[in-house]
Amino acid sequence: MAGNIRLEVVTPEKYVVDEDVQIAVAPGSLGEFGVLIGHTPFLTTLKTGTMHYTDAKGVERFIFVSGGFAEALPDKVTVLAESAERRRDIDVDRAKSAMERAQERLAKQRAEDVDFNRARAALERALHRIKLAQTR
């Protein structure tokens, strides 16, 4: 089926993407999924990772996403993410600093004041950002 589908990627702060695309592929919590025009409707949670899509002109684009939900409809995909950034907008130095802070927290053995789950999640986000930004 030829045609474009509308892609919206939204965070609590801003619209990251709002454009027509040929295909959108996202990291669902149960695995990566792709959506084309005419897709069966569904709703899923997202995990931290890279979302990619092919824009209406055929150019592949990449976005870091972390958490949230995706809704696929026959003519539209909406991603409501906790955080999302286009690859070109990732601040690698900031991501490296976040990675170092998370690694320091995780290195603390039996620290009462360290939330290890939160530190692991921060480390995962930082690593995904760095990997995506350095992939060209």
N, C-alpha and C. Protein backbone atom coordinates (compact mmCIF):
# COMPACT_ATOMS: atom_id res chain seq x y z
N MET A 1 0.85 -1.17 0.00
CA MET A 1 0.00 0.00 0.00
C MET A 1 0.90 1.24 0.00
N ALA A 2 0.82 2.06 -1.01
CA ALA A 2 1.65 3.26 -1.11
C ALA A 2 0.96 4.42 -0.40
N GLY A 3 1.77 5.31 0.10
CA GLY A 3 1.23 6.50 0.76
C GLY A 3 1.98 6.79 2.04
N ASN A 4 1.71 7.94 2.58
CA ASN A 4 2.37 8.37 3.80
C ASN A 4 1.44 8.31 4.99
N ILE A 5 2.04 8.25 6.15
CA ILE A 5 1.32 8.23 7.41
C ILE A 5 1.83 9.41 8.23
N ARG A 6 0.99 9.98 9.05
CA ARG A 6 1.38 11.12 9.89
C ARG A 6 2.11 10.59 11.13
N LEU A 7 3.26 11.17 11.44
CA LEU A 7 4.02 10.81 12.63
C LEU A 7 4.11 12.01 13.54
N GLU A 8 3.69 11.81 14.79
CA GLU A 8 3.84 12.83 15.82
C GLU A 8 4.63 12.21 16.96
N VAL A 9 5.73 12.85 17.34
CA VAL A 9 6.51 12.45 18.51
C VAL A 9 6.47 13.63 19.46
N VAL A 10 5.90 13.41 20.64
CA VAL A 10 5.64 14.48 21.58
C VAL A 10 6.20 14.12 22.95
N THR A 11 6.81 15.10 23.62
CA THR A 11 7.23 14.95 25.02
C THR A 11 6.39 15.93 25.84
N PRO A 12 6.50 15.88 27.16
CA PRO A 12 5.76 16.87 27.96
C PRO A 12 6.17 18.31 27.65
N GLU A 13 7.35 18.51 27.10
CA GLU A 13 7.84 19.86 26.83
C GLU A 13 7.61 20.36 25.40
N LYS A 14 7.58 19.45 24.42
CA LYS A 14 7.58 19.93 23.04
C LYS A 14 7.16 18.85 22.05
N TYR A 15 6.88 19.33 20.82
CA TYR A 15 6.72 18.43 19.67
C TYR A 15 8.12 18.21 19.12
N VAL A 16 8.53 16.97 18.96
CA VAL A 16 9.83 16.65 18.39
C VAL A 16 9.69 16.42 16.89
N VAL A 17 8.63 15.73 16.49
CA VAL A 17 8.36 15.46 15.08
C VAL A 17 6.86 15.62 14.85
N ASP A 18 6.51 16.22 13.74
CA ASP A 18 5.12 16.33 13.30
C ASP A 18 5.17 16.45 11.79
N GLU A 19 5.20 15.28 11.11
CA GLU A 19 5.35 15.29 9.65
C GLU A 19 4.82 13.99 9.05
N ASP A 20 4.64 14.00 7.74
CA ASP A 20 4.24 12.81 7.01
C ASP A 20 5.47 11.96 6.75
N VAL A 21 5.33 10.64 6.93
CA VAL A 21 6.45 9.72 6.75
C VAL A 21 5.98 8.49 5.98
N GLN A 22 6.93 7.79 5.39
CA GLN A 22 6.61 6.55 4.68
C GLN A 22 6.45 5.39 5.65
N ILE A 23 7.34 5.33 6.66
CA ILE A 23 7.31 4.27 7.67
C ILE A 23 7.91 4.82 8.95
N ALA A 24 7.39 4.35 10.08
CA ALA A 24 7.93 4.69 11.39
C ALA A 24 8.22 3.39 12.13
N VAL A 25 9.40 3.30 12.75
CA VAL A 25 9.82 2.11 13.48
C VAL A 25 10.24 2.55 14.88
N ALA A 26 9.70 1.89 15.91
CA ALA A 26 9.95 2.32 17.28
C ALA A 26 10.28 1.13 18.18
N PRO A 27 10.97 1.40 19.31
CA PRO A 27 11.33 0.33 20.25
C PRO A 27 10.21 0.07 21.25
N GLY A 28 9.31 -0.81 20.90
CA GLY A 28 8.23 -1.17 21.81
C GLY A 28 8.76 -2.01 22.96
N SER A 29 8.06 -2.02 24.06
CA SER A 29 8.52 -2.77 25.22
C SER A 29 8.55 -4.28 24.96
N LEU A 30 7.78 -4.74 23.98
CA LEU A 30 7.79 -6.17 23.62
C LEU A 30 8.59 -6.44 22.34
N GLY A 31 9.26 -5.42 21.85
CA GLY A 31 10.06 -5.55 20.63
C GLY A 31 9.81 -4.40 19.69
N GLU A 32 10.72 -4.26 18.74
CA GLU A 32 10.63 -3.19 17.76
C GLU A 32 9.42 -3.43 16.86
N PHE A 33 8.74 -2.35 16.48
CA PHE A 33 7.59 -2.48 15.58
C PHE A 33 7.65 -1.38 14.53
N GLY A 34 7.07 -1.67 13.38
CA GLY A 34 7.02 -0.71 12.29
C GLY A 34 5.59 -0.46 11.87
N VAL A 35 5.33 0.77 11.42
CA VAL A 35 3.98 1.15 11.04
C VAL A 35 4.01 1.81 9.66
N LEU A 36 3.17 1.30 8.78
CA LEU A 36 2.94 1.86 7.45
C LEU A 36 1.50 2.35 7.37
N ILE A 37 1.17 3.09 6.32
CA ILE A 37 -0.20 3.52 6.09
C ILE A 37 -1.13 2.31 6.08
N GLY A 38 -2.28 2.42 6.71
CA GLY A 38 -3.26 1.34 6.74
C GLY A 38 -3.03 0.33 7.86
N HIS A 39 -2.13 0.61 8.78
CA HIS A 39 -1.81 -0.33 9.86
C HIS A 39 -3.02 -0.57 10.76
N THR A 40 -3.11 -1.75 11.29
CA THR A 40 -4.13 -2.08 12.27
C THR A 40 -3.90 -1.25 13.54
N PRO A 41 -4.93 -0.67 14.11
CA PRO A 41 -4.75 0.14 15.32
C PRO A 41 -4.23 -0.69 16.50
N PHE A 42 -3.32 -0.09 17.26
CA PHE A 42 -2.85 -0.70 18.50
C PHE A 42 -2.19 0.34 19.37
N LEU A 43 -2.02 -0.01 20.64
CA LEU A 43 -1.38 0.86 21.62
C LEU A 43 -0.33 0.04 22.33
N THR A 44 0.87 0.61 22.56
CA THR A 44 1.93 -0.13 23.23
C THR A 44 2.78 0.81 24.06
N THR A 45 3.49 0.26 25.01
CA THR A 45 4.47 1.04 25.76
C THR A 45 5.80 1.00 25.01
N LEU A 46 6.63 1.98 25.31
CA LEU A 46 7.94 2.08 24.67
C LEU A 46 9.04 1.82 25.69
N LYS A 47 10.16 1.35 25.18
CA LYS A 47 11.35 1.26 26.01
C LYS A 47 12.37 2.26 25.49
N THR A 48 13.41 2.48 26.24
CA THR A 48 14.46 3.40 25.82
C THR A 48 15.18 2.83 24.60
N GLY A 49 15.37 3.67 23.61
CA GLY A 49 16.06 3.21 22.41
C GLY A 49 15.97 4.21 21.27
N THR A 50 16.22 3.72 20.08
CA THR A 50 16.22 4.54 18.89
C THR A 50 14.98 4.27 18.06
N MET A 51 14.32 5.33 17.71
CA MET A 51 13.20 5.27 16.78
C MET A 51 13.73 5.80 15.46
N HIS A 52 13.31 5.19 14.37
CA HIS A 52 13.70 5.74 13.07
C HIS A 52 12.50 5.74 12.14
N TYR A 53 12.58 6.62 11.16
CA TYR A 53 11.51 6.72 10.18
C TYR A 53 12.08 7.21 8.87
N THR A 54 11.34 6.95 7.82
CA THR A 54 11.70 7.45 6.50
C THR A 54 10.73 8.56 6.18
N ASP A 55 11.26 9.77 5.98
CA ASP A 55 10.38 10.90 5.74
C ASP A 55 9.74 10.81 4.35
N ALA A 56 8.88 11.73 4.04
CA ALA A 56 8.13 11.70 2.78
C ALA A 56 9.03 11.77 1.55
N LYS A 57 10.25 12.31 1.71
CA LYS A 57 11.19 12.42 0.60
C LYS A 57 12.11 11.21 0.50
N GLY A 58 11.97 10.24 1.42
CA GLY A 58 12.79 9.04 1.37
C GLY A 58 14.06 9.09 2.20
N VAL A 59 14.22 10.11 3.05
CA VAL A 59 15.41 10.25 3.88
C VAL A 59 15.15 9.59 5.23
N GLU A 60 16.08 8.73 5.66
CA GLU A 60 15.93 8.07 6.95
C GLU A 60 16.37 9.01 8.07
N ARG A 61 15.54 9.12 9.11
CA ARG A 61 15.77 10.00 10.25
C ARG A 61 15.77 9.17 11.54
N PHE A 62 16.48 9.68 12.55
CA PHE A 62 16.62 8.94 13.81
C PHE A 62 16.28 9.83 15.00
N ILE A 63 15.64 9.21 16.00
CA ILE A 63 15.24 9.92 17.21
C ILE A 63 15.53 9.03 18.42
N PHE A 64 16.10 9.60 19.46
CA PHE A 64 16.22 8.91 20.74
C PHE A 64 14.88 9.05 21.45
N VAL A 65 14.34 7.95 21.97
CA VAL A 65 13.11 8.00 22.78
C VAL A 65 13.34 7.23 24.07
N SER A 66 12.68 7.70 25.11
CA SER A 66 12.78 7.04 26.40
C SER A 66 11.41 7.00 27.05
N GLY A 67 10.91 5.79 27.23
CA GLY A 67 9.64 5.61 27.91
C GLY A 67 8.46 6.20 27.17
N GLY A 68 7.28 5.93 27.68
CA GLY A 68 6.07 6.48 27.11
C GLY A 68 5.24 5.44 26.37
N PHE A 69 4.43 5.94 25.46
CA PHE A 69 3.47 5.12 24.73
C PHE A 69 3.48 5.47 23.25
N ALA A 70 3.04 4.51 22.44
CA ALA A 70 2.84 4.75 21.01
C ALA A 70 1.46 4.23 20.64
N GLU A 71 0.77 5.02 19.83
CA GLU A 71 -0.53 4.61 19.31
C GLU A 71 -0.43 4.60 17.79
N ALA A 72 -0.76 3.47 17.20
CA ALA A 72 -0.79 3.36 15.74
C ALA A 72 -2.24 3.33 15.29
N LEU A 73 -2.54 4.14 14.30
CA LEU A 73 -3.84 4.16 13.65
C LEU A 73 -3.59 3.97 12.16
N PRO A 74 -4.61 3.70 11.37
CA PRO A 74 -4.38 3.48 9.94
C PRO A 74 -3.70 4.64 9.21
N ASP A 75 -3.87 5.88 9.73
CA ASP A 75 -3.32 7.04 9.04
C ASP A 75 -2.38 7.88 9.91
N LYS A 76 -2.06 7.41 11.13
CA LYS A 76 -1.28 8.24 12.04
C LYS A 76 -0.59 7.39 13.11
N VAL A 77 0.63 7.80 13.48
CA VAL A 77 1.35 7.20 14.61
C VAL A 77 1.64 8.34 15.58
N THR A 78 1.23 8.16 16.83
CA THR A 78 1.51 9.16 17.86
C THR A 78 2.39 8.52 18.91
N VAL A 79 3.51 9.15 19.19
CA VAL A 79 4.43 8.70 20.23
C VAL A 79 4.42 9.75 21.34
N LEU A 80 4.01 9.34 22.51
CA LEU A 80 4.03 10.20 23.69
C LEU A 80 5.17 9.70 24.56
N ALA A 81 6.32 10.34 24.46
CA ALA A 81 7.53 9.87 25.12
C ALA A 81 7.86 10.72 26.34
N GLU A 82 8.46 10.07 27.33
CA GLU A 82 8.94 10.82 28.50
C GLU A 82 10.03 11.80 28.07
N SER A 83 10.91 11.34 27.17
CA SER A 83 11.91 12.22 26.57
C SER A 83 12.19 11.74 25.16
N ALA A 84 12.53 12.68 24.29
CA ALA A 84 12.84 12.35 22.90
C ALA A 84 13.68 13.48 22.31
N GLU A 85 14.64 13.09 21.48
CA GLU A 85 15.50 14.06 20.81
C GLU A 85 15.86 13.54 19.43
N ARG A 86 15.84 14.43 18.46
CA ARG A 86 16.37 14.07 17.15
C ARG A 86 17.87 13.83 17.30
N ARG A 87 18.42 12.98 16.46
CA ARG A 87 19.85 12.67 16.55
C ARG A 87 20.70 13.93 16.52
N ARG A 88 20.36 14.84 15.65
CA ARG A 88 21.16 16.07 15.49
C ARG A 88 21.11 16.97 16.72
N ASP A 89 20.11 16.79 17.59
CA ASP A 89 19.95 17.64 18.77
C ASP A 89 20.57 17.06 20.03
N ILE A 90 21.13 15.86 19.95
CA ILE A 90 21.71 15.23 21.14
C ILE A 90 23.01 15.94 21.51
N ASP A 91 23.11 16.33 22.76
CA ASP A 91 24.30 16.95 23.31
C ASP A 91 25.18 15.82 23.87
N VAL A 92 26.19 15.42 23.13
CA VAL A 92 27.03 14.27 23.51
C VAL A 92 27.77 14.54 24.81
N ASP A 93 28.26 15.75 25.01
CA ASP A 93 28.98 16.06 26.25
C ASP A 93 28.05 15.91 27.46
N ARG A 94 26.82 16.38 27.31
CA ARG A 94 25.84 16.25 28.39
C ARG A 94 25.52 14.77 28.64
N ALA A 95 25.39 14.00 27.59
CA ALA A 95 25.11 12.57 27.73
C ALA A 95 26.29 11.85 28.40
N LYS A 96 27.51 12.22 28.04
CA LYS A 96 28.68 11.61 28.67
C LYS A 96 28.76 11.96 30.15
N SER A 97 28.42 13.19 30.51
CA SER A 97 28.40 13.59 31.91
C SER A 97 27.34 12.80 32.68
N ALA A 98 26.18 12.62 32.06
CA ALA A 98 25.12 11.83 32.70
C ALA A 98 25.55 10.38 32.88
N MET A 99 26.25 9.84 31.89
CA MET A 99 26.76 8.47 31.98
C MET A 99 27.75 8.35 33.14
N GLU A 100 28.66 9.30 33.25
CA GLU A 100 29.66 9.26 34.32
C GLU A 100 29.01 9.36 35.70
N ARG A 101 28.01 10.24 35.84
CA ARG A 101 27.30 10.36 37.12
C ARG A 101 26.59 9.06 37.48
N ALA A 102 25.95 8.45 36.49
CA ALA A 102 25.24 7.20 36.74
C ALA A 102 26.22 6.09 37.11
N GLN A 103 27.35 6.03 36.43
CA GLN A 103 28.36 5.01 36.75
C GLN A 103 28.90 5.20 38.16
N GLU A 104 29.11 6.44 38.56
CA GLU A 104 29.59 6.72 39.92
C GLU A 104 28.57 6.26 40.96
N ARG A 105 27.29 6.53 40.70
CA ARG A 105 26.24 6.10 41.63
C ARG A 105 26.19 4.58 41.73
N LEU A 106 26.30 3.93 40.58
CA LEU A 106 26.22 2.47 40.57
C LEU A 106 27.45 1.83 41.22
N ALA A 107 28.57 2.52 41.22
CA ALA A 107 29.80 1.98 41.81
C ALA A 107 29.76 2.00 43.33
N LYS A 108 28.88 2.78 43.90
CA LYS A 108 28.78 2.86 45.36
C LYS A 108 28.14 1.57 45.88
N GLN A 109 28.88 0.85 46.65
CA GLN A 109 28.39 -0.41 47.23
C GLN A 109 27.57 -0.10 48.49
N ARG A 110 26.38 -0.61 48.56
CA ARG A 110 25.52 -0.50 49.74
C ARG A 110 25.27 0.93 50.20
N ALA A 111 25.21 1.83 49.29
CA ALA A 111 24.93 3.22 49.67
C ALA A 111 23.44 3.36 49.94
N GLU A 112 23.12 3.89 51.08
CA GLU A 112 21.72 4.05 51.49
C GLU A 112 21.00 5.10 50.65
N ASP A 113 21.75 6.10 50.20
CA ASP A 113 21.12 7.22 49.50
C ASP A 113 21.10 7.07 47.98
N VAL A 114 21.47 5.91 47.45
CA VAL A 114 21.51 5.72 46.00
C VAL A 114 20.32 4.86 45.56
N ASP A 115 19.57 5.38 44.60
CA ASP A 115 18.48 4.63 43.99
C ASP A 115 19.08 3.92 42.76
N PHE A 116 19.42 2.64 42.93
CA PHE A 116 20.13 1.91 41.87
C PHE A 116 19.29 1.74 40.60
N ASN A 117 17.99 1.55 40.74
CA ASN A 117 17.14 1.42 39.54
C ASN A 117 17.15 2.72 38.73
N ARG A 118 17.07 3.83 39.44
CA ARG A 118 17.10 5.13 38.76
C ARG A 118 18.46 5.36 38.10
N ALA A 119 19.53 4.99 38.77
CA ALA A 119 20.88 5.14 38.21
C ALA A 119 21.07 4.27 36.98
N ARG A 120 20.55 3.03 37.03
CA ARG A 120 20.65 2.14 35.86
C ARG A 120 19.87 2.72 34.67
N ALA A 121 18.69 3.27 34.94
CA ALA A 121 17.88 3.87 33.87
C ALA A 121 18.59 5.08 33.28
N ALA A 122 19.21 5.90 34.12
CA ALA A 122 19.96 7.06 33.63
C ALA A 122 21.14 6.63 32.78
N LEU A 123 21.82 5.58 33.21
CA LEU A 123 22.95 5.05 32.44
C LEU A 123 22.48 4.54 31.08
N GLU A 124 21.37 3.82 31.07
CA GLU A 124 20.84 3.30 29.81
C GLU A 124 20.48 4.43 28.84
N ARG A 125 19.82 5.47 29.35
CA ARG A 125 19.47 6.61 28.50
C ARG A 125 20.72 7.28 27.93
N ALA A 126 21.71 7.49 28.79
CA ALA A 126 22.94 8.15 28.34
C ALA A 126 23.65 7.32 27.27
N LEU A 127 23.74 6.02 27.49
CA LEU A 127 24.42 5.15 26.52
C LEU A 127 23.71 5.15 25.17
N HIS A 128 22.37 5.11 25.18
CA HIS A 128 21.61 5.15 23.92
C HIS A 128 21.82 6.47 23.20
N ARG A 129 21.82 7.58 23.94
CA ARG A 129 22.04 8.89 23.32
C ARG A 129 23.42 8.95 22.66
N ILE A 130 24.43 8.52 23.40
CA ILE A 130 25.80 8.57 22.89
C ILE A 130 25.94 7.70 21.64
N LYS A 131 25.41 6.49 21.71
CA LYS A 131 25.51 5.58 20.56
C LYS A 131 24.82 6.16 19.34
N LEU A 132 23.61 6.71 19.53
CA LEU A 132 22.88 7.29 18.39
C LEU A 132 23.59 8.50 17.82
N ALA A 133 24.10 9.37 18.69
CA ALA A 133 24.78 10.58 18.22
C ALA A 133 26.06 10.26 17.46
N GLN A 134 26.72 9.18 17.82
CA GLN A 134 27.99 8.85 17.19
C GLN A 134 27.81 7.96 15.96
N THR A 135 26.60 7.52 15.68
CA THR A 135 26.32 6.71 14.51
C THR A 135 25.96 7.65 13.35
N ARG A 136 26.69 7.59 12.30
CA ARG A 136 26.40 8.46 11.15
C ARG A 136 26.34 7.67 9.92
